[in-house]
Amino acid sequence: MTATHALLVALGGAVGAPARLLVGHWLRTRWSAVPPAGTLAVNVGGSLLLGLLVGGGAGPGWLTLLGTGFCGAFTTFSTLALEVWEAVEDGRRAEAAAVVGLSLVLGLGAAALGYALAS
């Protein structure tokens, strides 16, 4: 790892983190979406972008900037875990299971779609 790699990750993350915040805010204010919708949207969108990058043969610099930096900050496993835990604690076990299932199926599907589209 070099200073250039660290800078690329930081730059990508500096754009990805606020983008994630804006997507969640937009979904809540525009469509009155509940929190798992924003988390699902960014995780699926980030998976699609990463699939496009890898499938399209993006070079190491682009993968570092957009894959590790942007997608790493844009997507969020920790928020998904917290939202699922809160749903279980509130007795909404079916919702928790649906969020986990949708996250896995749609995330993997989006990554595969991105890869296929870019290949």
PDB file of N, CA and C in Angstrom:
ATOM      1  N   MET A   1       0.845  -1.175   0.000  1.00  0.00           N
ATOM      2  CA  MET A   1       0.000   0.000   0.000  1.00  0.00           C
ATOM      3  C   MET A   1       0.890   1.239   0.000  1.00  0.00           C
ATOM      4  N   THR A   2       0.500   2.199  -0.805  1.00  0.00           N
ATOM      5  CA  THR A   2       1.270   3.436  -0.908  1.00  0.00           C
ATOM      6  C   THR A   2       0.423   4.615  -0.436  1.00  0.00           C
ATOM      7  N   ALA A   3       1.044   5.758  -0.341  1.00  0.00           N
ATOM      8  CA  ALA A   3       0.314   6.977   0.022  1.00  0.00           C
ATOM      9  C   ALA A   3      -0.732   7.300  -1.037  1.00  0.00           C
ATOM     10  N   THR A   4      -0.441   6.984  -2.290  1.00  0.00           N
ATOM     11  CA  THR A   4      -1.410   7.214  -3.365  1.00  0.00           C
ATOM     12  C   THR A   4      -2.660   6.372  -3.150  1.00  0.00           C
ATOM     13  N   HIS A   5      -2.480   5.097  -2.772  1.00  0.00           N
ATOM     14  CA  HIS A   5      -3.636   4.236  -2.493  1.00  0.00           C
ATOM     15  C   HIS A   5      -4.482   4.823  -1.364  1.00  0.00           C
ATOM     16  N   ALA A   6      -3.831   5.243  -0.311  1.00  0.00           N
ATOM     17  CA  ALA A   6      -4.553   5.815   0.830  1.00  0.00           C
ATOM     18  C   ALA A   6      -5.307   7.070   0.422  1.00  0.00           C
ATOM     19  N   LEU A   7      -4.696   7.896  -0.407  1.00  0.00           N
ATOM     20  CA  LEU A   7      -5.351   9.116  -0.875  1.00  0.00           C
ATOM     21  C   LEU A   7      -6.560   8.788  -1.746  1.00  0.00           C
ATOM     22  N   LEU A   8      -6.423   7.803  -2.630  1.00  0.00           N
ATOM     23  CA  LEU A   8      -7.547   7.402  -3.482  1.00  0.00           C
ATOM     24  C   LEU A   8      -8.714   6.876  -2.647  1.00  0.00           C
ATOM     25  N   VAL A   9      -8.416   6.063  -1.644  1.00  0.00           N
ATOM     26  CA  VAL A   9      -9.477   5.550  -0.764  1.00  0.00           C
ATOM     27  C   VAL A   9     -10.146   6.705  -0.022  1.00  0.00           C
ATOM     28  N   ALA A  10      -9.346   7.629   0.481  1.00  0.00           N
ATOM     29  CA  ALA A  10      -9.899   8.776   1.214  1.00  0.00           C
ATOM     30  C   ALA A  10     -10.774   9.644   0.317  1.00  0.00           C
ATOM     31  N   LEU A  11     -10.335   9.883  -0.907  1.00  0.00           N
ATOM     32  CA  LEU A  11     -11.128  10.695  -1.837  1.00  0.00           C
ATOM     33  C   LEU A  11     -12.442  10.007  -2.196  1.00  0.00           C
ATOM     34  N   GLY A  12     -12.371   8.718  -2.493  1.00  0.00           N
ATOM     35  CA  GLY A  12     -13.594   7.974  -2.798  1.00  0.00           C
ATOM     36  C   GLY A  12     -14.539   7.947  -1.615  1.00  0.00           C
ATOM     37  N   GLY A  13     -13.997   7.731  -0.434  1.00  0.00           N
ATOM     38  CA  GLY A  13     -14.809   7.709   0.778  1.00  0.00           C
ATOM     39  C   GLY A  13     -15.427   9.053   1.092  1.00  0.00           C
ATOM     40  N   ALA A  14     -14.698  10.128   0.769  1.00  0.00           N
ATOM     41  CA  ALA A  14     -15.209  11.479   1.023  1.00  0.00           C
ATOM     42  C   ALA A  14     -16.423  11.797   0.168  1.00  0.00           C
ATOM     43  N   VAL A  15     -16.578  11.106  -0.938  1.00  0.00           N
ATOM     44  CA  VAL A  15     -17.758  11.273  -1.788  1.00  0.00           C
ATOM     45  C   VAL A  15     -18.811  10.222  -1.439  1.00  0.00           C
ATOM     46  N   GLY A  16     -18.384   8.994  -1.173  1.00  0.00           N
ATOM     47  CA  GLY A  16     -19.314   7.899  -0.903  1.00  0.00           C
ATOM     48  C   GLY A  16     -20.115   8.064   0.374  1.00  0.00           C
ATOM     49  N   ALA A  17     -19.482   8.527   1.444  1.00  0.00           N
ATOM     50  CA  ALA A  17     -20.184   8.666   2.728  1.00  0.00           C
ATOM     51  C   ALA A  17     -21.305   9.700   2.664  1.00  0.00           C
ATOM     52  N   PRO A  18     -21.064  10.915   2.146  1.00  0.00           N
ATOM     53  CA  PRO A  18     -22.179  11.857   2.046  1.00  0.00           C
ATOM     54  C   PRO A  18     -23.234  11.407   1.038  1.00  0.00           C
ATOM     55  N   ALA A  19     -22.812  10.690  -0.006  1.00  0.00           N
ATOM     56  CA  ALA A  19     -23.792  10.179  -0.971  1.00  0.00           C
ATOM     57  C   ALA A  19     -24.750   9.214  -0.284  1.00  0.00           C
ATOM     58  N   ARG A  20     -24.222   8.366   0.581  1.00  0.00           N
ATOM     59  CA  ARG A  20     -25.061   7.435   1.336  1.00  0.00           C
ATOM     60  C   ARG A  20     -26.053   8.188   2.208  1.00  0.00           C
ATOM     61  N   LEU A  21     -25.577   9.203   2.896  1.00  0.00           N
ATOM     62  CA  LEU A  21     -26.443  10.023   3.743  1.00  0.00           C
ATOM     63  C   LEU A  21     -27.547  10.673   2.919  1.00  0.00           C
ATOM     64  N   LEU A  22     -27.199  11.210   1.762  1.00  0.00           N
ATOM     65  CA  LEU A  22     -28.175  11.882   0.906  1.00  0.00           C
ATOM     66  C   LEU A  22     -29.214  10.919   0.349  1.00  0.00           C
ATOM     67  N   VAL A  23     -28.803   9.723  -0.037  1.00  0.00           N
ATOM     68  CA  VAL A  23     -29.761   8.731  -0.544  1.00  0.00           C
ATOM     69  C   VAL A  23     -30.768   8.375   0.542  1.00  0.00           C
ATOM     70  N   GLY A  24     -30.296   8.096   1.743  1.00  0.00           N
ATOM     71  CA  GLY A  24     -31.201   7.774   2.849  1.00  0.00           C
ATOM     72  C   GLY A  24     -32.143   8.919   3.160  1.00  0.00           C
ATOM     73  N   HIS A  25     -31.616  10.131   3.194  1.00  0.00           N
ATOM     74  CA  HIS A  25     -32.447  11.316   3.468  1.00  0.00           C
ATOM     75  C   HIS A  25     -33.484  11.510   2.369  1.00  0.00           C
ATOM     76  N   TRP A  26     -33.071  11.372   1.121  1.00  0.00           N
ATOM     77  CA  TRP A  26     -33.986  11.552  -0.004  1.00  0.00           C
ATOM     78  C   TRP A  26     -35.121  10.524   0.041  1.00  0.00           C
ATOM     79  N   LEU A  27     -34.799   9.276   0.323  1.00  0.00           N
ATOM     80  CA  LEU A  27     -35.836   8.244   0.393  1.00  0.00           C
ATOM     81  C   LEU A  27     -36.813   8.510   1.533  1.00  0.00           C
ATOM     82  N   ARG A  28     -36.307   8.981   2.677  1.00  0.00           N
ATOM     83  CA  ARG A  28     -37.191   9.269   3.811  1.00  0.00           C
ATOM     84  C   ARG A  28     -38.092  10.466   3.539  1.00  0.00           C
ATOM     85  N   THR A  29     -37.548  11.518   2.937  1.00  0.00           N
ATOM     86  CA  THR A  29     -38.340  12.735   2.734  1.00  0.00           C
ATOM     87  C   THR A  29     -39.203  12.664   1.484  1.00  0.00           C
ATOM     88  N   ARG A  30     -38.720  12.044   0.453  1.00  0.00           N
ATOM     89  CA  ARG A  30     -39.460  11.990  -0.815  1.00  0.00           C
ATOM     90  C   ARG A  30     -40.553  10.932  -0.788  1.00  0.00           C
ATOM     91  N   TRP A  31     -40.234   9.763  -0.271  1.00  0.00           N
ATOM     92  CA  TRP A  31     -41.173   8.643  -0.306  1.00  0.00           C
ATOM     93  C   TRP A  31     -41.594   8.164   1.069  1.00  0.00           C
ATOM     94  N   SER A  32     -41.206   8.845   2.111  1.00  0.00           N
ATOM     95  CA  SER A  32     -41.503   8.432   3.487  1.00  0.00           C
ATOM     96  C   SER A  32     -41.044   6.999   3.746  1.00  0.00           C
ATOM     97  N   ALA A  33     -39.919   6.640   3.170  1.00  0.00           N
ATOM     98  CA  ALA A  33     -39.405   5.278   3.315  1.00  0.00           C
ATOM     99  C   ALA A  33     -38.867   5.068   4.726  1.00  0.00           C
ATOM    100  N   VAL A  34     -38.993   3.859   5.202  1.00  0.00           N
ATOM    101  CA  VAL A  34     -38.448   3.499   6.509  1.00  0.00           C
ATOM    102  C   VAL A  34     -36.945   3.241   6.360  1.00  0.00           C
ATOM    103  N   PRO A  35     -36.176   3.330   7.450  1.00  0.00           N
ATOM    104  CA  PRO A  35     -34.714   3.217   7.360  1.00  0.00           C
ATOM    105  C   PRO A  35     -34.167   2.024   6.573  1.00  0.00           C
ATOM    106  N   PRO A  36     -34.722   0.815   6.684  1.00  0.00           N
ATOM    107  CA  PRO A  36     -34.109  -0.269   5.909  1.00  0.00           C
ATOM    108  C   PRO A  36     -34.125  -0.025   4.397  1.00  0.00           C
ATOM    109  N   ALA A  37     -35.050   0.801   3.901  1.00  0.00           N
ATOM    110  CA  ALA A  37     -35.109   1.064   2.461  1.00  0.00           C
ATOM    111  C   ALA A  37     -33.860   1.799   1.991  1.00  0.00           C
ATOM    112  N   GLY A  38     -33.404   2.766   2.756  1.00  0.00           N
ATOM    113  CA  GLY A  38     -32.193   3.496   2.390  1.00  0.00           C
ATOM    114  C   GLY A  38     -30.965   2.612   2.425  1.00  0.00           C
ATOM    115  N   THR A  39     -30.879   1.791   3.444  1.00  0.00           N
ATOM    116  CA  THR A  39     -29.747   0.872   3.571  1.00  0.00           C
ATOM    117  C   THR A  39     -29.748  -0.124   2.418  1.00  0.00           C
ATOM    118  N   LEU A  40     -30.919  -0.653   2.099  1.00  0.00           N
ATOM    119  CA  LEU A  40     -31.034  -1.594   0.988  1.00  0.00           C
ATOM    120  C   LEU A  40     -30.642  -0.919  -0.325  1.00  0.00           C
ATOM    121  N   ALA A  41     -31.107   0.306  -0.529  1.00  0.00           N
ATOM    122  CA  ALA A  41     -30.813   1.028  -1.773  1.00  0.00           C
ATOM    123  C   ALA A  41     -29.312   1.248  -1.956  1.00  0.00           C
ATOM    124  N   VAL A  42     -28.628   1.697  -0.911  1.00  0.00           N
ATOM    125  CA  VAL A  42     -27.190   1.959  -1.071  1.00  0.00           C
ATOM    126  C   VAL A  42     -26.399   0.663  -1.203  1.00  0.00           C
ATOM    127  N   ASN A  43     -26.801  -0.376  -0.502  1.00  0.00           N
ATOM    128  CA  ASN A  43     -26.074  -1.643  -0.604  1.00  0.00           C
ATOM    129  C   ASN A  43     -26.244  -2.274  -1.984  1.00  0.00           C
ATOM    130  N   VAL A  44     -27.451  -2.216  -2.528  1.00  0.00           N
ATOM    131  CA  VAL A  44     -27.689  -2.764  -3.866  1.00  0.00           C
ATOM    132  C   VAL A  44     -26.995  -1.891  -4.917  1.00  0.00           C
ATOM    133  N   GLY A  45     -27.104  -0.578  -4.783  1.00  0.00           N
ATOM    134  CA  GLY A  45     -26.442   0.318  -5.725  1.00  0.00           C
ATOM    135  C   GLY A  45     -24.928   0.162  -5.707  1.00  0.00           C
ATOM    136  N   GLY A  46     -24.359   0.045  -4.526  1.00  0.00           N
ATOM    137  CA  GLY A  46     -22.914  -0.162  -4.414  1.00  0.00           C
ATOM    138  C   GLY A  46     -22.485  -1.495  -4.996  1.00  0.00           C
ATOM    139  N   SER A  47     -23.302  -2.513  -4.817  1.00  0.00           N
ATOM    140  CA  SER A  47     -22.998  -3.829  -5.388  1.00  0.00           C
ATOM    141  C   SER A  47     -23.026  -3.777  -6.911  1.00  0.00           C
ATOM    142  N   LEU A  48     -24.001  -3.062  -7.464  1.00  0.00           N
ATOM    143  CA  LEU A  48     -24.084  -2.898  -8.914  1.00  0.00           C
ATOM    144  C   LEU A  48     -22.840  -2.179  -9.441  1.00  0.00           C
ATOM    145  N   LEU A  49     -22.470  -1.091  -8.794  1.00  0.00           N
ATOM    146  CA  LEU A  49     -21.294  -0.335  -9.228  1.00  0.00           C
ATOM    147  C   LEU A  49     -20.029  -1.183  -9.149  1.00  0.00           C
ATOM    148  N   LEU A  50     -19.869  -1.921  -8.075  1.00  0.00           N
ATOM    149  CA  LEU A  50     -18.678  -2.762  -7.946  1.00  0.00           C
ATOM    150  C   LEU A  50     -18.655  -3.843  -9.026  1.00  0.00           C
ATOM    151  N   GLY A  51     -19.818  -4.420  -9.330  1.00  0.00           N
ATOM    152  CA  GLY A  51     -19.897  -5.396 -10.421  1.00  0.00           C
ATOM    153  C   GLY A  51     -19.522  -4.780 -11.756  1.00  0.00           C
ATOM    154  N   LEU A  52     -19.983  -3.547 -12.000  1.00  0.00           N
ATOM    155  CA  LEU A  52     -19.632  -2.846 -13.241  1.00  0.00           C
ATOM    156  C   LEU A  52     -18.123  -2.601 -13.326  1.00  0.00           C
ATOM    157  N   LEU A  53     -17.539  -2.187 -12.213  1.00  0.00           N
ATOM    158  CA  LEU A  53     -16.100  -1.908 -12.195  1.00  0.00           C
ATOM    159  C   LEU A  53     -15.276  -3.162 -12.465  1.00  0.00           C
ATOM    160  N   VAL A  54     -15.607  -4.236 -11.763  1.00  0.00           N
ATOM    161  CA  VAL A  54     -14.842  -5.474 -11.913  1.00  0.00           C
ATOM    162  C   VAL A  54     -15.107  -6.100 -13.283  1.00  0.00           C
ATOM    163  N   GLY A  55     -16.366  -6.149 -13.687  1.00  0.00           N
ATOM    164  CA  GLY A  55     -16.709  -6.725 -14.985  1.00  0.00           C
ATOM    165  C   GLY A  55     -16.140  -5.939 -16.148  1.00  0.00           C
ATOM    166  N   GLY A  56     -16.013  -4.636 -15.965  1.00  0.00           N
ATOM    167  CA  GLY A  56     -15.479  -3.790 -17.020  1.00  0.00           C
ATOM    168  C   GLY A  56     -13.968  -3.731 -17.050  1.00  0.00           C
ATOM    169  N   GLY A  57     -13.338  -4.430 -16.147  1.00  0.00           N
ATOM    170  CA  GLY A  57     -11.885  -4.466 -16.128  1.00  0.00           C
ATOM    171  C   GLY A  57     -11.245  -3.155 -15.704  1.00  0.00           C
ATOM    172  N   ALA A  58     -11.878  -2.472 -14.766  1.00  0.00           N
ATOM    173  CA  ALA A  58     -11.313  -1.212 -14.275  1.00  0.00           C
ATOM    174  C   ALA A  58      -9.904  -1.442 -13.743  1.00  0.00           C
ATOM    175  N   GLY A  59      -9.054  -0.489 -13.984  1.00  0.00           N
ATOM    176  CA  GLY A  59      -7.671  -0.591 -13.527  1.00  0.00           C
ATOM    177  C   GLY A  59      -7.567  -0.466 -12.021  1.00  0.00           C
ATOM    178  N   PRO A  60      -6.399  -0.777 -11.488  1.00  0.00           N
ATOM    179  CA  PRO A  60      -6.210  -0.756 -10.039  1.00  0.00           C
ATOM    180  C   PRO A  60      -6.525   0.590  -9.391  1.00  0.00           C
ATOM    181  N   GLY A  61      -6.182   1.680 -10.054  1.00  0.00           N
ATOM    182  CA  GLY A  61      -6.471   3.002  -9.490  1.00  0.00           C
ATOM    183  C   GLY A  61      -7.957   3.257  -9.362  1.00  0.00           C
ATOM    184  N   TRP A  62      -8.705   2.892 -10.402  1.00  0.00           N
ATOM    185  CA  TRP A  62     -10.161   3.076 -10.371  1.00  0.00           C
ATOM    186  C   TRP A  62     -10.812   2.166  -9.343  1.00  0.00           C
ATOM    187  N   LEU A  63     -10.314   0.931  -9.254  1.00  0.00           N
ATOM    188  CA  LEU A  63     -10.857   0.014  -8.244  1.00  0.00           C
ATOM    189  C   LEU A  63     -10.592   0.529  -6.833  1.00  0.00           C
ATOM    190  N   THR A  64      -9.434   1.119  -6.630  1.00  0.00           N
ATOM    191  CA  THR A  64      -9.111   1.666  -5.312  1.00  0.00           C
ATOM    192  C   THR A  64      -9.986   2.876  -5.006  1.00  0.00           C
ATOM    193  N   LEU A  65     -10.098   3.802  -5.954  1.00  0.00           N
ATOM    194  CA  LEU A  65     -10.884   5.017  -5.765  1.00  0.00           C
ATOM    195  C   LEU A  65     -12.374   4.718  -5.620  1.00  0.00           C
ATOM    196  N   LEU A  66     -12.921   4.001  -6.599  1.00  0.00           N
ATOM    197  CA  LEU A  66     -14.369   3.780  -6.625  1.00  0.00           C
ATOM    198  C   LEU A  66     -14.807   2.519  -5.893  1.00  0.00           C
ATOM    199  N   GLY A  67     -14.043   1.439  -6.027  1.00  0.00           N
ATOM    200  CA  GLY A  67     -14.423   0.190  -5.369  1.00  0.00           C
ATOM    201  C   GLY A  67     -14.216   0.239  -3.869  1.00  0.00           C
ATOM    202  N   THR A  68     -12.976   0.440  -3.465  1.00  0.00           N
ATOM    203  CA  THR A  68     -12.673   0.467  -2.035  1.00  0.00           C
ATOM    204  C   THR A  68     -13.137   1.762  -1.386  1.00  0.00           C
ATOM    205  N   GLY A  69     -12.812   2.903  -2.000  1.00  0.00           N
ATOM    206  CA  GLY A  69     -13.143   4.201  -1.406  1.00  0.00           C
ATOM    207  C   GLY A  69     -14.624   4.524  -1.445  1.00  0.00           C
ATOM    208  N   PHE A  70     -15.160   4.724  -2.655  1.00  0.00           N
ATOM    209  CA  PHE A  70     -16.557   5.136  -2.778  1.00  0.00           C
ATOM    210  C   PHE A  70     -17.512   4.052  -2.285  1.00  0.00           C
ATOM    211  N   CYS A  71     -17.409   2.846  -2.860  1.00  0.00           N
ATOM    212  CA  CYS A  71     -18.352   1.780  -2.482  1.00  0.00           C
ATOM    213  C   CYS A  71     -18.208   1.393  -1.017  1.00  0.00           C
ATOM    214  N   GLY A  72     -16.985   1.418  -0.510  1.00  0.00           N
ATOM    215  CA  GLY A  72     -16.774   1.091   0.897  1.00  0.00           C
ATOM    216  C   GLY A  72     -17.479   2.059   1.830  1.00  0.00           C
ATOM    217  N   ALA A  73     -17.497   3.336   1.458  1.00  0.00           N
ATOM    218  CA  ALA A  73     -18.164   4.347   2.286  1.00  0.00           C
ATOM    219  C   ALA A  73     -19.651   4.440   1.981  1.00  0.00           C
ATOM    220  N   PHE A  74     -20.032   4.142   0.749  1.00  0.00           N
ATOM    221  CA  PHE A  74     -21.428   4.262   0.318  1.00  0.00           C
ATOM    222  C   PHE A  74     -22.284   3.130   0.873  1.00  0.00           C
ATOM    223  N   THR A  75     -21.753   1.928   0.862  1.00  0.00           N
ATOM    224  CA  THR A  75     -22.509   0.780   1.364  1.00  0.00           C
ATOM    225  C   THR A  75     -22.290   0.639   2.864  1.00  0.00           C
ATOM    226  N   THR A  76     -23.180  -0.125   3.508  1.00  0.00           N
ATOM    227  CA  THR A  76     -23.064  -0.219   4.961  1.00  0.00           C
ATOM    228  C   THR A  76     -23.608  -1.535   5.495  1.00  0.00           C
ATOM    229  N   PHE A  77     -22.715  -2.377   5.947  1.00  0.00           N
ATOM    230  CA  PHE A  77     -23.134  -3.619   6.587  1.00  0.00           C
ATOM    231  C   PHE A  77     -23.521  -3.366   8.037  1.00  0.00           C
ATOM    232  N   SER A  78     -22.822  -2.468   8.688  1.00  0.00           N
ATOM    233  CA  SER A  78     -23.093  -2.217  10.109  1.00  0.00           C
ATOM    234  C   SER A  78     -24.492  -1.651  10.326  1.00  0.00           C
ATOM    235  N   THR A  79     -24.935  -0.754   9.448  1.00  0.00           N
ATOM    236  CA  THR A  79     -26.288  -0.209   9.585  1.00  0.00           C
ATOM    237  C   THR A  79     -27.320  -1.290   9.310  1.00  0.00           C
ATOM    238  N   LEU A  80     -27.055  -2.138   8.328  1.00  0.00           N
ATOM    239  CA  LEU A  80     -27.948  -3.263   8.058  1.00  0.00           C
ATOM    240  C   LEU A  80     -28.072  -4.134   9.302  1.00  0.00           C
ATOM    241  N   ALA A  81     -26.961  -4.468   9.920  1.00  0.00           N
ATOM    242  CA  ALA A  81     -26.985  -5.305  11.122  1.00  0.00           C
ATOM    243  C   ALA A  81     -27.783  -4.645  12.242  1.00  0.00           C
ATOM    244  N   LEU A  82     -27.587  -3.349  12.440  1.00  0.00           N
ATOM    245  CA  LEU A  82     -28.316  -2.630  13.485  1.00  0.00           C
ATOM    246  C   LEU A  82     -29.814  -2.604  13.203  1.00  0.00           C
ATOM    247  N   GLU A  83     -30.194  -2.312  11.967  1.00  0.00           N
ATOM    248  CA  GLU A  83     -31.619  -2.252  11.624  1.00  0.00           C
ATOM    249  C   GLU A  83     -32.291  -3.613  11.774  1.00  0.00           C
ATOM    250  N   VAL A  84     -31.595  -4.669  11.401  1.00  0.00           N
ATOM    251  CA  VAL A  84     -32.143  -6.019  11.571  1.00  0.00           C
ATOM    252  C   VAL A  84     -32.267  -6.340  13.053  1.00  0.00           C
ATOM    253  N   TRP A  85     -31.245  -6.021  13.829  1.00  0.00           N
ATOM    254  CA  TRP A  85     -31.283  -6.265  15.274  1.00  0.00           C
ATOM    255  C   TRP A  85     -32.448  -5.516  15.917  1.00  0.00           C
ATOM    256  N   GLU A  86     -32.642  -4.261  15.562  1.00  0.00           N
ATOM    257  CA  GLU A  86     -33.740  -3.472  16.130  1.00  0.00           C
ATOM    258  C   GLU A  86     -35.095  -4.063  15.764  1.00  0.00           C
ATOM    259  N   ALA A  87     -35.231  -4.546  14.533  1.00  0.00           N
ATOM    260  CA  ALA A  87     -36.490  -5.169  14.125  1.00  0.00           C
ATOM    261  C   ALA A  87     -36.753  -6.429  14.945  1.00  0.00           C
ATOM    262  N   VAL A  88     -35.734  -7.235  15.172  1.00  0.00           N
ATOM    263  CA  VAL A  88     -35.884  -8.448  15.990  1.00  0.00           C
ATOM    264  C   VAL A  88     -36.267  -8.068  17.415  1.00  0.00           C
ATOM    265  N   GLU A  89     -35.576  -7.083  17.980  1.00  0.00           N
ATOM    266  CA  GLU A  89     -35.867  -6.633  19.347  1.00  0.00           C
ATOM    267  C   GLU A  89     -37.291  -6.099  19.488  1.00  0.00           C
ATOM    268  N   ASP A  90     -37.814  -5.486  18.418  1.00  0.00           N
ATOM    269  CA  ASP A  90     -39.176  -4.944  18.433  1.00  0.00           C
ATOM    270  C   ASP A  90     -40.226  -5.995  18.095  1.00  0.00           C
ATOM    271  N   GLY A  91     -39.798  -7.236  17.905  1.00  0.00           N
ATOM    272  CA  GLY A  91     -40.737  -8.308  17.597  1.00  0.00           C
ATOM    273  C   GLY A  91     -41.116  -8.381  16.126  1.00  0.00           C
ATOM    274  N   ARG A  92     -40.413  -7.674  15.272  1.00  0.00           N
ATOM    275  CA  ARG A  92     -40.700  -7.678  13.832  1.00  0.00           C
ATOM    276  C   ARG A  92     -39.742  -8.644  13.132  1.00  0.00           C
ATOM    277  N   ARG A  93     -39.856  -9.898  13.521  1.00  0.00           N
ATOM    278  CA  ARG A  93     -38.923 -10.904  13.016  1.00  0.00           C
ATOM    279  C   ARG A  93     -39.092 -11.170  11.522  1.00  0.00           C
ATOM    280  N   ALA A  94     -40.314 -11.140  11.036  1.00  0.00           N
ATOM    281  CA  ALA A  94     -40.541 -11.362   9.604  1.00  0.00           C
ATOM    282  C   ALA A  94     -39.902 -10.239   8.788  1.00  0.00           C
ATOM    283  N   GLU A  95     -40.025  -9.009   9.273  1.00  0.00           N
ATOM    284  CA  GLU A  95     -39.387  -7.877   8.590  1.00  0.00           C
ATOM    285  C   GLU A  95     -37.871  -8.035   8.594  1.00  0.00           C
ATOM    286  N   ALA A  96     -37.325  -8.444   9.723  1.00  0.00           N
ATOM    287  CA  ALA A  96     -35.876  -8.639   9.830  1.00  0.00           C
ATOM    288  C   ALA A  96     -35.401  -9.693   8.834  1.00  0.00           C
ATOM    289  N   ALA A  97     -36.115 -10.799   8.763  1.00  0.00           N
ATOM    290  CA  ALA A  97     -35.743 -11.864   7.832  1.00  0.00           C
ATOM    291  C   ALA A  97     -35.862 -11.394   6.383  1.00  0.00           C
ATOM    292  N   ALA A  98     -36.904 -10.624   6.092  1.00  0.00           N
ATOM    293  CA  ALA A  98     -37.093 -10.106   4.736  1.00  0.00           C
ATOM    294  C   ALA A  98     -35.961  -9.160   4.348  1.00  0.00           C
ATOM    295  N   VAL A  99     -35.561  -8.301   5.271  1.00  0.00           N
ATOM    296  CA  VAL A  99     -34.477  -7.351   4.986  1.00  0.00           C
ATOM    297  C   VAL A  99     -33.173  -8.100   4.724  1.00  0.00           C
ATOM    298  N   VAL A 100     -32.874  -9.106   5.527  1.00  0.00           N
ATOM    299  CA  VAL A 100     -31.655  -9.892   5.318  1.00  0.00           C
ATOM    300  C   VAL A 100     -31.722 -10.612   3.973  1.00  0.00           C
ATOM    301  N   GLY A 101     -32.837 -11.270   3.701  1.00  0.00           N
ATOM    302  CA  GLY A 101     -32.989 -12.002   2.443  1.00  0.00           C
ATOM    303  C   GLY A 101     -32.899 -11.098   1.228  1.00  0.00           C
ATOM    304  N   LEU A 102     -33.621  -9.986   1.273  1.00  0.00           N
ATOM    305  CA  LEU A 102     -33.579  -9.043   0.155  1.00  0.00           C
ATOM    306  C   LEU A 102     -32.182  -8.473  -0.042  1.00  0.00           C
ATOM    307  N   SER A 103     -31.515  -8.162   1.048  1.00  0.00           N
ATOM    308  CA  SER A 103     -30.168  -7.600   0.950  1.00  0.00           C
ATOM    309  C   SER A 103     -29.218  -8.566   0.253  1.00  0.00           C
ATOM    310  N   LEU A 104     -29.277  -9.823   0.635  1.00  0.00           N
ATOM    311  CA  LEU A 104     -28.394 -10.819   0.023  1.00  0.00           C
ATOM    312  C   LEU A 104     -28.752 -11.073  -1.435  1.00  0.00           C
ATOM    313  N   VAL A 105     -30.019 -11.327  -1.697  1.00  0.00           N
ATOM    314  CA  VAL A 105     -30.443 -11.669  -3.056  1.00  0.00           C
ATOM    315  C   VAL A 105     -30.257 -10.487  -4.005  1.00  0.00           C
ATOM    316  N   LEU A 106     -30.738  -9.308  -3.605  1.00  0.00           N
ATOM    317  CA  LEU A 106     -30.626  -8.144  -4.486  1.00  0.00           C
ATOM    318  C   LEU A 106     -29.182  -7.663  -4.612  1.00  0.00           C
ATOM    319  N   GLY A 107     -28.418  -7.718  -3.524  1.00  0.00           N
ATOM    320  CA  GLY A 107     -27.020  -7.299  -3.585  1.00  0.00           C
ATOM    321  C   GLY A 107     -26.192  -8.190  -4.494  1.00  0.00           C
ATOM    322  N   LEU A 108     -26.320  -9.490  -4.318  1.00  0.00           N
ATOM    323  CA  LEU A 108     -25.587 -10.423  -5.181  1.00  0.00           C
ATOM    324  C   LEU A 108     -26.081 -10.339  -6.618  1.00  0.00           C
ATOM    325  N   GLY A 109     -27.397 -10.194  -6.782  1.00  0.00           N
ATOM    326  CA  GLY A 109     -27.960 -10.052  -8.126  1.00  0.00           C
ATOM    327  C   GLY A 109     -27.471  -8.793  -8.817  1.00  0.00           C
ATOM    328  N   ALA A 110     -27.405  -7.695  -8.079  1.00  0.00           N
ATOM    329  CA  ALA A 110     -26.932  -6.434  -8.656  1.00  0.00           C
ATOM    330  C   ALA A 110     -25.462  -6.531  -9.045  1.00  0.00           C
ATOM    331  N   ALA A 111     -24.652  -7.164  -8.208  1.00  0.00           N
ATOM    332  CA  ALA A 111     -23.230  -7.338  -8.536  1.00  0.00           C
ATOM    333  C   ALA A 111     -23.076  -8.192  -9.794  1.00  0.00           C
ATOM    334  N   ALA A 112     -23.845  -9.266  -9.883  1.00  0.00           N
ATOM    335  CA  ALA A 112     -23.785 -10.137 -11.059  1.00  0.00           C
ATOM    336  C   ALA A 112     -24.269  -9.402 -12.305  1.00  0.00           C
ATOM    337  N   LEU A 113     -25.332  -8.621 -12.166  1.00  0.00           N
ATOM    338  CA  LEU A 113     -25.849  -7.847 -13.294  1.00  0.00           C
ATOM    339  C   LEU A 113     -24.809  -6.836 -13.771  1.00  0.00           C
ATOM    340  N   GLY A 114     -24.222  -6.105 -12.835  1.00  0.00           N
ATOM    341  CA  GLY A 114     -23.191  -5.140 -13.199  1.00  0.00           C
ATOM    342  C   GLY A 114     -22.025  -5.800 -13.909  1.00  0.00           C
ATOM    343  N   TYR A 115     -21.590  -6.922 -13.386  1.00  0.00           N
ATOM    344  CA  TYR A 115     -20.483  -7.658 -13.993  1.00  0.00           C
ATOM    345  C   TYR A 115     -20.845  -8.083 -15.415  1.00  0.00           C
ATOM    346  N   ALA A 116     -22.064  -8.636 -15.580  1.00  0.00           N
ATOM    347  CA  ALA A 116     -22.501  -9.105 -16.896  1.00  0.00           C
ATOM    348  C   ALA A 116     -22.643  -7.945 -17.884  1.00  0.00           C
ATOM    349  N   LEU A 117     -23.193  -6.834 -17.434  1.00  0.00           N
ATOM    350  CA  LEU A 117     -23.372  -5.680 -18.318  1.00  0.00           C
ATOM    351  C   LEU A 117     -22.035  -5.107 -18.785  1.00  0.00           C
ATOM    352  N   ALA A 118     -21.053  -5.121 -17.909  1.00  0.00           N
ATOM    353  CA  ALA A 118     -19.761  -4.515 -18.232  1.00  0.00           C
ATOM    354  C   ALA A 118     -18.810  -5.461 -18.957  1.00  0.00           C
ATOM    355  N   SER A 119     -19.104  -6.761 -18.918  1.00  0.00           N
ATOM    356  CA  SER A 119     -18.195  -7.746 -19.539  1.00  0.00           C
ATOM    357  C   SER A 119     -18.365  -7.786 -21.045  1.00  0.00           C
TER     358      SER A 119
END
